[in-house]
């Protein structure tokens, strides 16, 4: 028992070398990279494993990630840390842009704005986060995303991002 009187819990996380996966992914278009990850031809990125999220739909300029926050994502005030929502939003935003990029072209977030609308808890259940490209520029792209509770359809958070594109 811990000092708070609850049983200790643990979670084991396993992942593969992300540098090797990134090198293989650099040889593919963004859309092909997502296809290979979902098909299990390439391992999931470690952040996807740690945050319990993965792509479930994707096409050029649009992705949907599913995630399920657990109590391992809680902050000290008894709800899921806002970083969980920010991470799944940032991932959907970036991957939406990635689906528009050819092989050898990369991106990075320049800015992320998140609006939190409802708290997440372990009881929120499975989340869906849809990211779409608003402007696919040559040097910068913009995207927007919505995070919803799958069971209720309630909007939990929104996000926007500007991303720098390089290597083109």
C-alpha atoms as a PDB file:
ATOM      1  CA  UNK A   1       0.000   0.000   0.000  1.00  0.00           C
ATOM      2  CA  UNK A   2       1.189   3.501  -0.767  1.00  0.00           C
ATOM      3  CA  UNK A   3       0.932   6.445   1.599  1.00  0.00           C
ATOM      4  CA  UNK A   4      -2.471   7.334   0.108  1.00  0.00           C
ATOM      5  CA  UNK A   5      -3.779   3.857   0.963  1.00  0.00           C
ATOM      6  CA  UNK A   6      -4.110   2.462  -2.558  1.00  0.00           C
ATOM      7  CA  UNK A   7      -2.441  -0.479  -4.199  1.00  0.00           C
ATOM      8  CA  UNK A   8       0.589   0.203  -6.375  1.00  0.00           C
ATOM      9  CA  UNK A   9       0.113  -0.381 -10.080  1.00  0.00           C
ATOM     10  CA  UNK A  10       2.669  -0.940 -12.826  1.00  0.00           C
ATOM     11  CA  UNK A  11       2.823  -0.886 -16.589  1.00  0.00           C
ATOM     12  CA  UNK A  12       5.439  -2.453 -18.837  1.00  0.00           C
ATOM     13  CA  UNK A  13       6.174  -0.667 -22.101  1.00  0.00           C
ATOM     14  CA  UNK A  14       8.083  -2.194 -25.009  1.00  0.00           C
ATOM     15  CA  UNK A  15       9.154  -0.519 -28.238  1.00  0.00           C
ATOM     16  CA  UNK A  16      11.591  -0.880 -31.113  1.00  0.00           C
ATOM     17  CA  UNK A  17      14.489   1.388 -32.127  1.00  0.00           C
ATOM     18  CA  UNK A  18      12.864   4.635 -33.316  1.00  0.00           C
ATOM     19  CA  UNK A  19      15.969   5.794 -35.240  1.00  0.00           C
ATOM     20  CA  UNK A  20      15.930   2.731 -37.490  1.00  0.00           C
ATOM     21  CA  UNK A  21      12.197   3.142 -38.066  1.00  0.00           C
ATOM     22  CA  UNK A  22      12.599   6.846 -38.916  1.00  0.00           C
ATOM     23  CA  UNK A  23      15.348   6.017 -41.424  1.00  0.00           C
ATOM     24  CA  UNK A  24      13.099   3.472 -43.139  1.00  0.00           C
ATOM     25  CA  UNK A  25      10.205   5.935 -43.065  1.00  0.00           C
ATOM     26  CA  UNK A  26      12.295   8.664 -44.707  1.00  0.00           C
ATOM     27  CA  UNK A  27      12.401   6.487 -47.822  1.00  0.00           C
ATOM     28  CA  UNK A  28       8.587   6.514 -48.070  1.00  0.00           C
ATOM     29  CA  UNK A  29       5.921   9.095 -48.672  1.00  0.00           C
ATOM     30  CA  UNK A  30       4.065  10.116 -45.526  1.00  0.00           C
ATOM     31  CA  UNK A  31       0.973   8.216 -46.613  1.00  0.00           C
ATOM     32  CA  UNK A  32       2.990   5.053 -47.321  1.00  0.00           C
ATOM     33  CA  UNK A  33       4.739   5.411 -43.950  1.00  0.00           C
ATOM     34  CA  UNK A  34       1.374   5.428 -42.129  1.00  0.00           C
ATOM     35  CA  UNK A  35       0.194   2.455 -44.206  1.00  0.00           C
ATOM     36  CA  UNK A  36       3.327   0.482 -43.279  1.00  0.00           C
ATOM     37  CA  UNK A  37       2.924   1.308 -39.584  1.00  0.00           C
ATOM     38  CA  UNK A  38      -0.745   0.284 -39.482  1.00  0.00           C
ATOM     39  CA  UNK A  39       0.034  -2.912 -41.430  1.00  0.00           C
ATOM     40  CA  UNK A  40       2.753  -3.797 -38.890  1.00  0.00           C
ATOM     41  CA  UNK A  41       5.517  -3.590 -41.515  1.00  0.00           C
ATOM     42  CA  UNK A  42       7.133  -0.848 -39.425  1.00  0.00           C
ATOM     43  CA  UNK A  43       6.894  -0.623 -35.632  1.00  0.00           C
ATOM     44  CA  UNK A  44       4.807   2.055 -33.968  1.00  0.00           C
ATOM     45  CA  UNK A  45       6.750   5.074 -32.700  1.00  0.00           C
ATOM     46  CA  UNK A  46       7.513   4.860 -28.959  1.00  0.00           C
ATOM     47  CA  UNK A  47       5.259   7.856 -28.167  1.00  0.00           C
ATOM     48  CA  UNK A  48       2.343   5.948 -29.682  1.00  0.00           C
ATOM     49  CA  UNK A  49       2.992   3.021 -27.351  1.00  0.00           C
ATOM     50  CA  UNK A  50       3.495   5.148 -24.235  1.00  0.00           C
ATOM     51  CA  UNK A  51       0.411   7.275 -24.875  1.00  0.00           C
ATOM     52  CA  UNK A  52      -1.752   4.305 -25.994  1.00  0.00           C
ATOM     53  CA  UNK A  53      -2.759   5.804 -29.340  1.00  0.00           C
ATOM     54  CA  UNK A  54      -2.592   4.724 -32.980  1.00  0.00           C
ATOM     55  CA  UNK A  55      -3.898   5.770 -36.402  1.00  0.00           C
ATOM     56  CA  UNK A  56      -7.190   4.157 -37.413  1.00  0.00           C
ATOM     57  CA  UNK A  57      -8.045   6.101 -40.584  1.00  0.00           C
ATOM     58  CA  UNK A  58      -5.913   8.061 -43.004  1.00  0.00           C
ATOM     59  CA  UNK A  59      -5.947   9.521 -46.476  1.00  0.00           C
ATOM     60  CA  UNK A  60      -4.117  12.414 -48.060  1.00  0.00           C
ATOM     61  CA  UNK A  61      -4.583  15.454 -45.830  1.00  0.00           C
ATOM     62  CA  UNK A  62      -6.638  13.687 -43.143  1.00  0.00           C
ATOM     63  CA  UNK A  63      -5.983  11.230 -40.301  1.00  0.00           C
ATOM     64  CA  UNK A  64      -7.908   9.846 -37.362  1.00  0.00           C
ATOM     65  CA  UNK A  65      -6.082   8.592 -34.293  1.00  0.00           C
ATOM     66  CA  UNK A  66      -7.709   6.549 -31.541  1.00  0.00           C
ATOM     67  CA  UNK A  67      -6.406   6.686 -28.004  1.00  0.00           C
ATOM     68  CA  UNK A  68      -7.435   5.534 -24.591  1.00  0.00           C
ATOM     69  CA  UNK A  69      -6.133   7.477 -21.621  1.00  0.00           C
ATOM     70  CA  UNK A  70      -5.657   5.567 -18.412  1.00  0.00           C
ATOM     71  CA  UNK A  71      -4.870   6.396 -14.835  1.00  0.00           C
ATOM     72  CA  UNK A  72      -1.165   6.231 -15.701  1.00  0.00           C
ATOM     73  CA  UNK A  73      -1.802   9.530 -17.523  1.00  0.00           C
ATOM     74  CA  UNK A  74      -3.285  11.252 -14.442  1.00  0.00           C
ATOM     75  CA  UNK A  75      -1.975  14.477 -12.973  1.00  0.00           C
ATOM     76  CA  UNK A  76      -1.963  15.322  -9.236  1.00  0.00           C
ATOM     77  CA  UNK A  77      -5.527  16.728  -9.278  1.00  0.00           C
ATOM     78  CA  UNK A  78      -7.132  13.436 -10.322  1.00  0.00           C
ATOM     79  CA  UNK A  79      -7.729  13.816 -14.084  1.00  0.00           C
ATOM     80  CA  UNK A  80      -5.757  12.960 -17.210  1.00  0.00           C
ATOM     81  CA  UNK A  81      -2.934  15.456 -17.712  1.00  0.00           C
ATOM     82  CA  UNK A  82      -3.602  18.032 -20.430  1.00  0.00           C
ATOM     83  CA  UNK A  83      -0.435  16.834 -22.114  1.00  0.00           C
ATOM     84  CA  UNK A  84      -2.277  13.683 -23.175  1.00  0.00           C
ATOM     85  CA  UNK A  85      -4.828  15.674 -25.186  1.00  0.00           C
ATOM     86  CA  UNK A  86      -2.083  17.961 -26.510  1.00  0.00           C
ATOM     87  CA  UNK A  87      -0.001  14.965 -27.604  1.00  0.00           C
ATOM     88  CA  UNK A  88      -2.768  13.180 -29.497  1.00  0.00           C
ATOM     89  CA  UNK A  89      -3.836  16.494 -31.095  1.00  0.00           C
ATOM     90  CA  UNK A  90      -0.227  17.302 -32.075  1.00  0.00           C
ATOM     91  CA  UNK A  91       0.184  13.812 -33.499  1.00  0.00           C
ATOM     92  CA  UNK A  92      -2.982  13.997 -35.612  1.00  0.00           C
ATOM     93  CA  UNK A  93      -2.072  17.498 -36.806  1.00  0.00           C
ATOM     94  CA  UNK A  94       1.442  16.475 -37.811  1.00  0.00           C
ATOM     95  CA  UNK A  95       0.413  13.197 -39.399  1.00  0.00           C
ATOM     96  CA  UNK A  96      -2.312  14.925 -41.441  1.00  0.00           C
ATOM     97  CA  UNK A  97       0.407  17.105 -42.952  1.00  0.00           C
ATOM     98  CA  UNK A  98       2.764  14.114 -43.260  1.00  0.00           C
ATOM     99  CA  UNK A  99       0.224  12.329 -45.500  1.00  0.00           C
ATOM    100  CA  UNK A 100       0.702  15.109 -48.071  1.00  0.00           C
ATOM    101  CA  UNK A 101       4.502  14.856 -48.203  1.00  0.00           C
ATOM    102  CA  UNK A 102       6.635  12.842 -50.640  1.00  0.00           C
ATOM    103  CA  UNK A 103       9.538  10.614 -49.612  1.00  0.00           C
ATOM    104  CA  UNK A 104      12.506  12.498 -48.191  1.00  0.00           C
ATOM    105  CA  UNK A 105      10.450  15.507 -47.073  1.00  0.00           C
ATOM    106  CA  UNK A 106       9.997  16.038 -43.346  1.00  0.00           C
ATOM    107  CA  UNK A 107       8.115  18.388 -41.024  1.00  0.00           C
ATOM    108  CA  UNK A 108       8.191  19.745 -37.521  1.00  0.00           C
ATOM    109  CA  UNK A 109       5.695  21.680 -35.438  1.00  0.00           C
ATOM    110  CA  UNK A 110       6.286  25.432 -35.263  1.00  0.00           C
ATOM    111  CA  UNK A 111       3.353  26.067 -32.972  1.00  0.00           C
ATOM    112  CA  UNK A 112       0.521  24.249 -31.283  1.00  0.00           C
ATOM    113  CA  UNK A 113      -2.619  25.791 -29.833  1.00  0.00           C
ATOM    114  CA  UNK A 114      -4.930  23.624 -27.741  1.00  0.00           C
ATOM    115  CA  UNK A 115      -8.351  24.519 -26.389  1.00  0.00           C
ATOM    116  CA  UNK A 116      -9.465  22.196 -23.583  1.00  0.00           C
ATOM    117  CA  UNK A 117     -13.250  21.883 -23.365  1.00  0.00           C
ATOM    118  CA  UNK A 118     -13.836  18.944 -20.992  1.00  0.00           C
ATOM    119  CA  UNK A 119     -11.625  16.970 -18.607  1.00  0.00           C
ATOM    120  CA  UNK A 120     -10.443  13.476 -19.504  1.00  0.00           C
ATOM    121  CA  UNK A 121     -10.502  10.627 -16.989  1.00  0.00           C
ATOM    122  CA  UNK A 122      -9.883   6.900 -17.161  1.00  0.00           C
ATOM    123  CA  UNK A 123     -13.676   6.589 -17.557  1.00  0.00           C
ATOM    124  CA  UNK A 124     -13.806   8.804 -20.661  1.00  0.00           C
ATOM    125  CA  UNK A 125     -13.034   5.726 -22.737  1.00  0.00           C
ATOM    126  CA  UNK A 126     -11.725   5.603 -26.266  1.00  0.00           C
ATOM    127  CA  UNK A 127     -10.996   8.933 -27.912  1.00  0.00           C
ATOM    128  CA  UNK A 128     -10.955   9.801 -31.596  1.00  0.00           C
ATOM    129  CA  UNK A 129      -8.817  12.650 -32.868  1.00  0.00           C
ATOM    130  CA  UNK A 130      -9.332  13.809 -36.440  1.00  0.00           C
ATOM    131  CA  UNK A 131      -6.663  16.001 -37.980  1.00  0.00           C
ATOM    132  CA  UNK A 132      -7.079  17.743 -41.338  1.00  0.00           C
ATOM    133  CA  UNK A 133      -4.812  19.935 -43.407  1.00  0.00           C
ATOM    134  CA  UNK A 134      -6.142  23.462 -43.838  1.00  0.00           C
ATOM    135  CA  UNK A 135      -3.284  24.779 -45.983  1.00  0.00           C
ATOM    136  CA  UNK A 136      -0.626  22.529 -47.556  1.00  0.00           C
ATOM    137  CA  UNK A 137       2.076  25.129 -48.309  1.00  0.00           C
ATOM    138  CA  UNK A 138       5.539  24.439 -49.710  1.00  0.00           C
ATOM    139  CA  UNK A 139       7.445  25.679 -46.643  1.00  0.00           C
ATOM    140  CA  UNK A 140       4.714  25.813 -44.003  1.00  0.00           C
ATOM    141  CA  UNK A 141       1.437  23.954 -43.609  1.00  0.00           C
ATOM    142  CA  UNK A 142      -1.470  24.498 -41.242  1.00  0.00           C
ATOM    143  CA  UNK A 143      -3.808  21.898 -39.810  1.00  0.00           C
ATOM    144  CA  UNK A 144      -6.684  21.641 -37.352  1.00  0.00           C
ATOM    145  CA  UNK A 145      -7.904  18.774 -35.173  1.00  0.00           C
ATOM    146  CA  UNK A 146     -10.841  17.793 -32.988  1.00  0.00           C
ATOM    147  CA  UNK A 147     -10.666  15.366 -30.050  1.00  0.00           C
ATOM    148  CA  UNK A 148     -13.942  13.611 -29.202  1.00  0.00           C
ATOM    149  CA  UNK A 149     -15.122  10.877 -26.841  1.00  0.00           C
ATOM    150  CA  UNK A 150     -16.090   7.984 -29.116  1.00  0.00           C
ATOM    151  CA  UNK A 151     -18.994   6.749 -26.942  1.00  0.00           C
ATOM    152  CA  UNK A 152     -20.700  10.102 -26.435  1.00  0.00           C
ATOM    153  CA  UNK A 153     -19.502  12.144 -29.405  1.00  0.00           C
ATOM    154  CA  UNK A 154     -18.684  14.998 -27.000  1.00  0.00           C
ATOM    155  CA  UNK A 155     -16.019  17.427 -28.114  1.00  0.00           C
ATOM    156  CA  UNK A 156     -13.180  17.353 -25.562  1.00  0.00           C
ATOM    157  CA  UNK A 157     -10.528  19.594 -27.113  1.00  0.00           C
ATOM    158  CA  UNK A 158      -9.488  21.250 -30.345  1.00  0.00           C
ATOM    159  CA  UNK A 159      -6.089  22.059 -31.746  1.00  0.00           C
ATOM    160  CA  UNK A 160      -4.414  24.012 -34.506  1.00  0.00           C
ATOM    161  CA  UNK A 161      -0.838  23.880 -35.668  1.00  0.00           C
ATOM    162  CA  UNK A 162       1.568  25.460 -38.089  1.00  0.00           C
ATOM    163  CA  UNK A 163       4.267  23.108 -39.297  1.00  0.00           C
ATOM    164  CA  UNK A 164       7.537  23.767 -41.092  1.00  0.00           C
ATOM    165  CA  UNK A 165       8.237  21.570 -44.105  1.00  0.00           C
ATOM    166  CA  UNK A 166      11.851  20.899 -44.992  1.00  0.00           C
ATOM    167  CA  UNK A 167      13.865  18.728 -47.347  1.00  0.00           C
ATOM    168  CA  UNK A 168      11.705  19.636 -50.336  1.00  0.00           C
END
